[in-house]
């Protein structure tokens, strides 16, 4: 017979890789267990350093009073700008009324044309509460009013009516 045509009985099963005596199941290598080593001082120092860094980053958030005051101030300034822009763009008066722990923004209307601007019943006042650690000190003027041009109105001596400067 030619070498290309051999009979199945002439090839021994040990020469074929699929039927070798070292099958995949027998070839599983076993690894020796790695002995546990005790923690070294460098490992403990690295862990302590990471914990100290996290604590250092969290301490400023625990004292949130220092964070809330600038945020409340920026918010108040932004709302005053918004009230002024609303007064100029809508042709109405806007009043910002201050309380101890909040302030309210109301749109005013002069429905009868007599020059007295009163809160518009159709548009509710926008009330902004301040954080509990922030308060507005009592002042002589507890309201700021913007006219239809966006200018601040000064109160008369009675404190009830406002006039343009």
N, C-alpha and C. Protein backbone atom coordinates (compact mmCIF):
# COMPACT_ATOMS: atom_id res chain seq x y z
N UNK A 1 0.82 -1.17 0.00
CA UNK A 1 0.00 0.00 0.00
C UNK A 1 0.87 1.24 0.00
N UNK A 2 0.29 2.28 -0.49
CA UNK A 2 1.04 3.53 -0.49
C UNK A 2 0.94 4.19 0.87
N UNK A 3 1.89 5.10 1.17
CA UNK A 3 1.84 5.75 2.48
C UNK A 3 0.61 6.64 2.65
N UNK A 4 0.02 7.05 1.53
CA UNK A 4 -1.17 7.89 1.63
C UNK A 4 -2.40 7.08 1.97
N UNK A 5 -2.39 5.84 1.57
CA UNK A 5 -3.56 4.99 1.83
C UNK A 5 -3.15 3.91 2.79
N UNK A 6 -3.33 4.14 4.01
CA UNK A 6 -2.98 3.12 4.98
C UNK A 6 -4.25 2.58 5.59
N UNK A 7 -4.17 1.45 6.07
CA UNK A 7 -5.34 0.85 6.68
C UNK A 7 -5.45 1.33 8.12
N UNK A 8 -6.65 1.38 8.67
CA UNK A 8 -6.82 1.86 10.02
C UNK A 8 -6.12 0.98 11.05
N UNK A 9 -5.91 -0.24 10.74
CA UNK A 9 -5.27 -1.11 11.72
C UNK A 9 -3.78 -0.88 11.79
N UNK A 10 -3.20 -0.23 10.75
CA UNK A 10 -1.77 -0.04 10.76
C UNK A 10 -1.33 1.15 11.63
N UNK A 11 -2.24 2.08 11.97
CA UNK A 11 -1.90 3.25 12.77
C UNK A 11 -2.26 2.94 14.21
N UNK A 12 -1.32 3.10 15.05
CA UNK A 12 -1.60 2.83 16.47
C UNK A 12 -2.27 4.05 17.11
N UNK A 13 -3.17 3.85 18.03
CA UNK A 13 -3.87 4.97 18.65
C UNK A 13 -2.94 5.84 19.48
N UNK A 14 -1.82 5.37 19.88
CA UNK A 14 -0.92 6.20 20.69
C UNK A 14 -0.21 7.25 19.86
N UNK A 15 -0.17 7.11 18.52
CA UNK A 15 0.47 8.10 17.67
C UNK A 15 -0.45 9.27 17.33
N UNK A 16 -1.72 9.08 17.46
CA UNK A 16 -2.66 10.17 17.17
C UNK A 16 -2.80 11.07 18.39
N UNK A 17 -2.76 12.37 18.20
CA UNK A 17 -2.82 13.27 19.34
C UNK A 17 -4.16 13.22 20.08
N UNK A 18 -5.22 12.87 19.36
CA UNK A 18 -6.52 12.83 20.03
C UNK A 18 -6.64 11.64 20.97
N UNK A 19 -5.89 10.64 20.69
CA UNK A 19 -6.00 9.44 21.49
C UNK A 19 -4.73 9.18 22.28
N UNK A 20 -4.04 10.22 22.62
CA UNK A 20 -2.80 10.02 23.36
C UNK A 20 -3.11 9.60 24.79
N UNK A 21 -2.14 9.03 25.40
CA UNK A 21 -2.38 8.59 26.77
C UNK A 21 -2.37 9.76 27.74
N UNK A 22 -1.93 10.92 27.28
CA UNK A 22 -2.01 12.15 28.10
C UNK A 22 -3.20 12.96 27.64
N UNK A 23 -4.36 12.63 28.07
CA UNK A 23 -5.56 13.35 27.65
C UNK A 23 -5.64 14.69 28.40
N UNK A 24 -6.59 15.52 28.00
CA UNK A 24 -6.76 16.84 28.62
C UNK A 24 -7.13 16.71 30.10
N UNK A 25 -7.87 15.71 30.42
CA UNK A 25 -8.28 15.57 31.81
C UNK A 25 -7.10 15.21 32.70
N UNK A 26 -6.20 14.44 32.17
CA UNK A 26 -5.06 14.05 32.99
C UNK A 26 -4.00 15.15 33.02
N UNK A 27 -4.06 16.11 32.09
CA UNK A 27 -3.02 17.12 31.99
C UNK A 27 -3.31 18.36 32.83
N UNK A 28 -4.34 18.33 33.66
CA UNK A 28 -4.65 19.47 34.50
C UNK A 28 -3.51 19.64 35.49
N UNK A 29 -2.97 20.85 35.45
CA UNK A 29 -1.82 21.09 36.31
C UNK A 29 -2.32 21.54 37.68
N UNK A 30 -1.71 21.04 38.64
CA UNK A 30 -2.04 21.46 40.00
C UNK A 30 -1.00 22.48 40.44
N UNK A 31 -1.50 23.57 41.02
CA UNK A 31 -0.59 24.60 41.48
C UNK A 31 -0.38 24.44 42.97
N UNK A 32 0.77 24.73 43.35
CA UNK A 32 1.08 24.63 44.77
C UNK A 32 0.45 25.81 45.49
N UNK A 33 -0.14 25.61 46.64
CA UNK A 33 -0.76 26.73 47.36
C UNK A 33 0.30 27.74 47.78
N UNK A 34 -0.06 29.02 47.61
CA UNK A 34 0.84 30.09 47.98
C UNK A 34 0.72 30.30 49.48
N UNK A 35 1.80 30.27 50.17
CA UNK A 35 1.70 30.45 51.62
C UNK A 35 1.28 31.88 51.95
N UNK A 36 0.38 32.00 52.90
CA UNK A 36 -0.08 33.34 53.32
C UNK A 36 1.03 33.99 54.12
N UNK A 37 1.30 35.24 53.72
CA UNK A 37 2.33 35.97 54.45
C UNK A 37 1.65 37.00 55.32
N UNK A 38 2.18 37.31 56.42
CA UNK A 38 1.55 38.31 57.29
C UNK A 38 1.66 39.71 56.65
N UNK A 39 0.74 40.59 57.05
CA UNK A 39 0.77 41.95 56.52
C UNK A 39 2.06 42.62 56.96
N UNK A 40 2.63 43.32 55.99
CA UNK A 40 3.85 44.05 56.29
C UNK A 40 3.49 45.46 56.74
N UNK A 41 4.44 46.13 57.30
CA UNK A 41 4.22 47.49 57.80
C UNK A 41 3.88 48.44 56.66
N UNK A 42 4.42 48.20 55.47
CA UNK A 42 4.14 49.08 54.33
C UNK A 42 2.68 48.95 53.90
N UNK A 43 2.13 47.74 53.98
CA UNK A 43 0.72 47.55 53.63
C UNK A 43 -0.19 48.31 54.59
N UNK A 44 0.12 48.23 55.85
CA UNK A 44 -0.69 48.92 56.86
C UNK A 44 -0.54 50.43 56.71
N UNK A 45 0.64 50.92 56.39
CA UNK A 45 0.86 52.36 56.21
C UNK A 45 0.09 52.89 55.01
N UNK A 46 0.05 52.13 53.91
CA UNK A 46 -0.69 52.55 52.72
C UNK A 46 -2.19 52.60 53.03
N UNK A 47 -2.71 51.60 53.70
CA UNK A 47 -4.13 51.59 54.06
C UNK A 47 -4.47 52.75 54.98
N UNK A 48 -3.62 53.03 55.96
CA UNK A 48 -3.86 54.15 56.87
C UNK A 48 -3.80 55.48 56.11
N UNK A 49 -2.90 55.61 55.16
CA UNK A 49 -2.81 56.83 54.36
C UNK A 49 -4.05 57.07 53.53
N UNK A 50 -4.61 56.02 52.94
CA UNK A 50 -5.83 56.15 52.13
C UNK A 50 -7.00 56.56 53.02
N UNK A 51 -7.12 55.96 54.19
CA UNK A 51 -8.20 56.31 55.11
C UNK A 51 -8.05 57.75 55.59
N UNK A 52 -6.83 58.17 55.88
CA UNK A 52 -6.60 59.56 56.32
C UNK A 52 -6.95 60.55 55.22
N UNK A 53 -6.67 60.22 53.98
CA UNK A 53 -7.01 61.09 52.86
C UNK A 53 -8.52 61.22 52.71
N UNK A 54 -9.24 60.13 52.83
CA UNK A 54 -10.70 60.18 52.74
C UNK A 54 -11.31 61.00 53.87
N UNK A 55 -10.80 60.84 55.07
CA UNK A 55 -11.30 61.63 56.20
C UNK A 55 -11.01 63.10 55.98
N UNK A 56 -9.83 63.43 55.46
CA UNK A 56 -9.48 64.84 55.20
C UNK A 56 -10.39 65.45 54.15
N UNK A 57 -10.82 64.67 53.20
CA UNK A 57 -11.73 65.18 52.17
C UNK A 57 -13.15 65.32 52.68
N UNK A 58 -13.56 64.54 53.65
CA UNK A 58 -14.92 64.59 54.16
C UNK A 58 -15.14 65.64 55.24
N UNK A 59 -14.11 66.06 55.93
CA UNK A 59 -14.26 67.02 57.04
C UNK A 59 -14.88 68.35 56.57
N UNK A 60 -14.48 68.94 55.45
CA UNK A 60 -15.11 70.21 55.05
C UNK A 60 -16.60 70.08 54.77
N UNK A 61 -17.07 68.94 54.32
CA UNK A 61 -18.50 68.80 54.06
C UNK A 61 -19.30 68.66 55.35
N UNK A 62 -18.65 68.26 56.43
CA UNK A 62 -19.37 68.16 57.70
C UNK A 62 -19.68 69.55 58.26
N UNK A 63 -18.81 70.51 58.01
CA UNK A 63 -19.06 71.88 58.43
C UNK A 63 -19.67 72.62 57.25
N UNK A 64 -20.93 72.36 56.98
CA UNK A 64 -21.57 72.90 55.78
C UNK A 64 -22.00 74.35 55.93
N UNK A 65 -21.91 74.91 57.13
CA UNK A 65 -22.29 76.32 57.31
C UNK A 65 -21.41 77.22 56.45
N UNK A 66 -20.15 76.91 56.38
CA UNK A 66 -19.23 77.72 55.58
C UNK A 66 -19.52 77.59 54.09
N UNK A 67 -20.11 76.50 53.69
CA UNK A 67 -20.42 76.28 52.28
C UNK A 67 -21.77 76.90 51.93
N UNK A 68 -22.73 76.87 52.84
CA UNK A 68 -24.09 77.33 52.54
C UNK A 68 -24.21 78.84 52.41
N UNK A 69 -23.45 79.60 53.16
CA UNK A 69 -23.57 81.06 53.11
C UNK A 69 -23.21 81.62 51.74
N UNK A 70 -22.07 81.27 51.14
CA UNK A 70 -21.79 81.79 49.79
C UNK A 70 -22.81 81.32 48.75
N UNK A 71 -23.30 80.11 48.91
CA UNK A 71 -24.29 79.59 47.97
C UNK A 71 -25.60 80.36 48.09
N UNK A 72 -26.04 80.62 49.32
CA UNK A 72 -27.28 81.38 49.53
C UNK A 72 -27.12 82.82 49.04
N UNK A 73 -25.95 83.40 49.22
CA UNK A 73 -25.70 84.76 48.76
C UNK A 73 -25.77 84.84 47.24
N UNK A 74 -25.11 83.89 46.56
CA UNK A 74 -25.16 83.88 45.09
C UNK A 74 -26.59 83.67 44.61
N UNK A 75 -27.34 82.81 45.29
CA UNK A 75 -28.72 82.56 44.90
C UNK A 75 -29.57 83.82 45.05
N UNK A 76 -29.39 84.56 46.15
CA UNK A 76 -30.14 85.80 46.36
C UNK A 76 -29.79 86.83 45.29
N UNK A 77 -28.52 86.99 44.99
CA UNK A 77 -28.11 87.94 43.95
C UNK A 77 -28.70 87.55 42.60
N UNK A 78 -28.68 86.27 42.29
CA UNK A 78 -29.26 85.80 41.02
C UNK A 78 -30.76 86.06 40.97
N UNK A 79 -31.46 85.87 42.09
CA UNK A 79 -32.90 86.12 42.10
C UNK A 79 -33.22 87.60 42.02
N UNK A 80 -32.37 88.45 42.61
CA UNK A 80 -32.57 89.89 42.46
C UNK A 80 -32.38 90.31 41.00
N UNK A 81 -31.39 89.75 40.35
CA UNK A 81 -31.18 90.04 38.92
C UNK A 81 -32.36 89.55 38.08
N UNK A 82 -32.87 88.37 38.44
CA UNK A 82 -34.02 87.82 37.73
C UNK A 82 -35.25 88.70 37.90
N UNK A 83 -35.49 89.20 39.11
CA UNK A 83 -36.64 90.08 39.35
C UNK A 83 -36.49 91.39 38.58
N UNK A 84 -35.29 91.93 38.55
CA UNK A 84 -35.05 93.18 37.81
C UNK A 84 -35.26 92.98 36.31
N UNK A 85 -34.73 91.87 35.78
CA UNK A 85 -34.91 91.59 34.35
C UNK A 85 -36.38 91.32 34.03
N UNK A 86 -37.08 90.64 34.93
CA UNK A 86 -38.52 90.40 34.71
C UNK A 86 -39.31 91.69 34.71
N UNK A 87 -38.96 92.61 35.59
CA UNK A 87 -39.66 93.90 35.62
C UNK A 87 -39.43 94.67 34.33
N UNK A 88 -38.20 94.69 33.85
CA UNK A 88 -37.90 95.44 32.63
C UNK A 88 -38.51 94.78 31.39
N UNK A 89 -38.52 93.47 31.34
CA UNK A 89 -39.02 92.80 30.14
C UNK A 89 -40.54 92.71 30.10
N UNK A 90 -41.21 92.67 31.23
CA UNK A 90 -42.67 92.51 31.26
C UNK A 90 -43.41 93.83 31.45
N UNK A 91 -42.70 94.88 31.78
CA UNK A 91 -43.36 96.16 32.01
C UNK A 91 -44.20 96.17 33.27
N UNK A 92 -43.79 95.41 34.25
CA UNK A 92 -44.51 95.33 35.52
C UNK A 92 -43.52 95.59 36.65
N UNK A 93 -44.03 95.79 37.82
CA UNK A 93 -43.17 95.95 38.99
C UNK A 93 -42.96 94.58 39.64
N UNK A 94 -41.79 94.40 40.21
CA UNK A 94 -41.48 93.18 40.96
C UNK A 94 -41.02 93.60 42.35
N UNK A 95 -41.48 92.89 43.37
CA UNK A 95 -41.09 93.18 44.74
C UNK A 95 -40.45 91.94 45.35
N UNK A 96 -39.30 92.15 45.98
CA UNK A 96 -38.61 91.09 46.72
C UNK A 96 -38.76 91.44 48.19
N UNK A 97 -39.47 90.59 48.94
CA UNK A 97 -39.74 90.82 50.35
C UNK A 97 -38.89 89.87 51.17
N UNK A 98 -38.18 90.42 52.14
CA UNK A 98 -37.27 89.62 52.96
C UNK A 98 -37.91 89.27 54.30
N UNK A 99 -37.66 88.06 54.73
CA UNK A 99 -38.04 87.58 56.05
C UNK A 99 -36.78 87.02 56.70
N UNK A 100 -36.90 86.49 57.90
CA UNK A 100 -35.72 86.00 58.61
C UNK A 100 -35.07 84.81 57.91
N UNK A 101 -35.84 83.83 57.48
CA UNK A 101 -35.28 82.62 56.88
C UNK A 101 -35.75 82.38 55.46
N UNK A 102 -36.28 83.41 54.80
CA UNK A 102 -36.78 83.24 53.43
C UNK A 102 -36.92 84.60 52.78
N UNK A 103 -37.17 84.58 51.49
CA UNK A 103 -37.55 85.79 50.78
C UNK A 103 -38.53 85.40 49.69
N UNK A 104 -39.39 86.35 49.31
CA UNK A 104 -40.43 86.08 48.31
C UNK A 104 -40.32 87.10 47.18
N UNK A 105 -40.57 86.63 45.98
CA UNK A 105 -40.55 87.48 44.79
C UNK A 105 -41.96 87.48 44.22
N UNK A 106 -42.55 88.67 44.12
CA UNK A 106 -43.92 88.79 43.62
C UNK A 106 -43.97 89.78 42.47
N UNK A 107 -44.78 89.44 41.48
CA UNK A 107 -45.01 90.36 40.36
C UNK A 107 -46.20 91.24 40.74
N UNK A 108 -46.04 92.56 40.56
CA UNK A 108 -47.08 93.52 40.91
C UNK A 108 -47.73 94.05 39.64
N UNK A 109 -49.02 94.41 39.74
CA UNK A 109 -49.77 94.97 38.61
C UNK A 109 -50.53 96.20 39.07
N UNK A 110 -50.71 97.11 38.15
CA UNK A 110 -51.54 98.30 38.38
C UNK A 110 -52.75 98.15 37.48
N UNK A 111 -53.76 97.42 37.96
CA UNK A 111 -54.93 97.09 37.13
C UNK A 111 -55.81 98.32 36.85
N UNK A 112 -55.96 99.22 37.83
CA UNK A 112 -56.86 100.35 37.64
C UNK A 112 -56.13 101.61 37.17
N UNK A 113 -54.80 101.59 37.06
CA UNK A 113 -54.06 102.71 36.53
C UNK A 113 -53.90 103.87 37.49
N UNK A 114 -54.11 103.69 38.77
CA UNK A 114 -54.01 104.79 39.72
C UNK A 114 -52.59 104.94 40.29
N UNK A 115 -51.62 104.13 39.84
CA UNK A 115 -50.24 104.24 40.29
C UNK A 115 -49.92 103.38 41.49
N UNK A 116 -50.90 102.65 42.00
CA UNK A 116 -50.66 101.75 43.12
C UNK A 116 -50.44 100.35 42.57
N UNK A 117 -49.27 99.83 42.82
CA UNK A 117 -48.92 98.51 42.31
C UNK A 117 -49.17 97.48 43.41
N UNK A 118 -49.97 96.49 43.08
CA UNK A 118 -50.36 95.47 44.05
C UNK A 118 -50.01 94.10 43.48
N UNK A 119 -49.83 93.11 44.36
CA UNK A 119 -49.51 91.76 43.86
C UNK A 119 -50.59 91.24 42.92
N UNK A 120 -50.14 90.62 41.86
CA UNK A 120 -51.05 90.04 40.88
C UNK A 120 -51.60 88.72 41.43
N UNK A 121 -52.91 88.60 41.51
CA UNK A 121 -53.54 87.40 42.07
C UNK A 121 -53.37 86.19 41.15
N UNK A 122 -53.20 86.43 39.87
CA UNK A 122 -53.07 85.32 38.92
C UNK A 122 -51.70 84.65 38.98
N UNK A 123 -50.70 85.40 39.41
CA UNK A 123 -49.34 84.88 39.47
C UNK A 123 -48.93 84.78 40.94
N UNK A 124 -48.78 83.59 41.47
CA UNK A 124 -48.40 83.47 42.88
C UNK A 124 -46.97 83.93 43.12
N UNK A 125 -46.71 84.38 44.33
CA UNK A 125 -45.36 84.82 44.71
C UNK A 125 -44.44 83.60 44.77
N UNK A 126 -43.22 83.82 44.41
CA UNK A 126 -42.21 82.77 44.43
C UNK A 126 -41.45 82.89 45.74
N UNK A 127 -41.59 81.90 46.61
CA UNK A 127 -40.98 81.93 47.94
C UNK A 127 -39.74 81.05 47.94
N UNK A 128 -38.62 81.62 48.39
CA UNK A 128 -37.35 80.89 48.44
C UNK A 128 -36.95 80.77 49.91
N UNK A 129 -36.85 79.53 50.40
CA UNK A 129 -36.42 79.29 51.78
C UNK A 129 -34.91 79.22 51.83
N UNK A 130 -34.36 79.78 52.88
CA UNK A 130 -32.92 79.74 53.08
C UNK A 130 -32.55 78.51 53.89
N UNK A 131 -31.31 78.05 53.79
CA UNK A 131 -30.88 76.92 54.64
C UNK A 131 -31.03 77.29 56.12
N UNK A 132 -31.18 76.31 57.01
CA UNK A 132 -31.40 76.62 58.42
C UNK A 132 -30.24 77.36 59.08
N UNK A 133 -29.06 77.26 58.53
CA UNK A 133 -27.91 77.94 59.14
C UNK A 133 -27.71 79.35 58.61
N UNK A 134 -28.56 79.80 57.68
CA UNK A 134 -28.43 81.13 57.08
C UNK A 134 -29.68 81.93 57.42
N UNK A 135 -29.50 83.17 57.86
CA UNK A 135 -30.63 84.04 58.19
C UNK A 135 -30.34 85.44 57.67
N UNK A 136 -31.41 86.17 57.36
CA UNK A 136 -31.30 87.56 56.93
C UNK A 136 -31.52 88.43 58.16
N UNK A 137 -30.58 89.32 58.42
CA UNK A 137 -30.69 90.20 59.58
C UNK A 137 -31.81 91.19 59.35
N UNK A 138 -32.47 91.59 60.42
CA UNK A 138 -33.55 92.57 60.33
C UNK A 138 -32.99 93.91 59.85
N UNK A 139 -33.66 94.52 58.89
CA UNK A 139 -33.22 95.81 58.35
C UNK A 139 -34.42 96.74 58.32
N UNK A 140 -34.15 98.01 58.12
CA UNK A 140 -35.23 99.00 58.08
C UNK A 140 -36.12 98.75 56.87
N UNK A 141 -35.53 98.48 55.73
CA UNK A 141 -36.31 98.19 54.52
C UNK A 141 -36.37 96.68 54.34
N UNK A 142 -37.54 96.12 54.43
CA UNK A 142 -37.68 94.68 54.29
C UNK A 142 -38.14 94.27 52.91
N UNK A 143 -38.13 95.19 51.96
CA UNK A 143 -38.54 94.87 50.59
C UNK A 143 -37.76 95.73 49.62
N UNK A 144 -37.55 95.18 48.44
CA UNK A 144 -36.95 95.91 47.32
C UNK A 144 -37.94 95.80 46.18
N UNK A 145 -38.26 96.94 45.56
CA UNK A 145 -39.20 96.92 44.44
C UNK A 145 -38.52 97.48 43.20
N UNK A 146 -38.71 96.79 42.09
CA UNK A 146 -38.18 97.21 40.79
C UNK A 146 -39.34 97.72 39.95
N UNK A 147 -39.17 98.90 39.30
CA UNK A 147 -40.24 99.42 38.46
C UNK A 147 -40.19 98.79 37.07
N UNK A 148 -41.05 99.26 36.17
CA UNK A 148 -41.18 98.67 34.84
C UNK A 148 -39.94 98.88 33.98
N UNK A 149 -39.04 99.77 34.38
CA UNK A 149 -37.79 99.97 33.66
C UNK A 149 -36.63 99.21 34.29
N UNK A 150 -36.89 98.51 35.40
CA UNK A 150 -35.85 97.76 36.09
C UNK A 150 -35.10 98.56 37.12
N UNK A 151 -35.59 99.76 37.45
CA UNK A 151 -34.93 100.60 38.45
C UNK A 151 -35.49 100.31 39.84
N UNK A 152 -34.65 100.50 40.85
CA UNK A 152 -35.09 100.30 42.23
C UNK A 152 -35.87 101.52 42.68
N UNK A 153 -37.01 101.28 43.31
CA UNK A 153 -37.84 102.36 43.84
C UNK A 153 -37.51 102.57 45.30
N UNK A 154 -37.47 103.83 45.72
CA UNK A 154 -37.21 104.17 47.12
C UNK A 154 -38.53 104.42 47.83
N UNK A 155 -38.66 103.93 49.06
CA UNK A 155 -39.93 104.13 49.77
C UNK A 155 -40.08 105.56 50.26
N UNK A 156 -41.36 106.00 50.36
CA UNK A 156 -41.65 107.28 51.01
C UNK A 156 -41.35 107.15 52.49
N UNK A 157 -41.52 108.23 53.21
CA UNK A 157 -41.26 108.18 54.65
C UNK A 157 -42.24 107.26 55.37
N UNK A 158 -43.43 107.06 54.82
CA UNK A 158 -44.39 106.18 55.47
C UNK A 158 -43.99 104.72 55.29
N UNK A 159 -43.16 104.43 54.27
CA UNK A 159 -42.71 103.06 54.05
C UNK A 159 -43.71 102.21 53.31
N UNK A 160 -44.85 102.79 52.89
CA UNK A 160 -45.88 101.99 52.24
C UNK A 160 -45.91 102.21 50.74
N UNK A 161 -45.61 103.39 50.29
CA UNK A 161 -45.65 103.68 48.86
C UNK A 161 -44.23 103.92 48.35
N UNK A 162 -44.01 103.58 47.12
CA UNK A 162 -42.69 103.72 46.53
C UNK A 162 -42.72 104.79 45.48
N UNK A 163 -41.58 105.45 45.27
CA UNK A 163 -41.48 106.46 44.23
C UNK A 163 -40.20 106.25 43.44
N UNK A 164 -40.18 106.68 42.19
CA UNK A 164 -38.98 106.57 41.35
C UNK A 164 -38.01 107.65 41.71
N UNK A 165 -36.73 107.39 41.51
CA UNK A 165 -35.70 108.41 41.76
C UNK A 165 -35.41 109.17 40.51
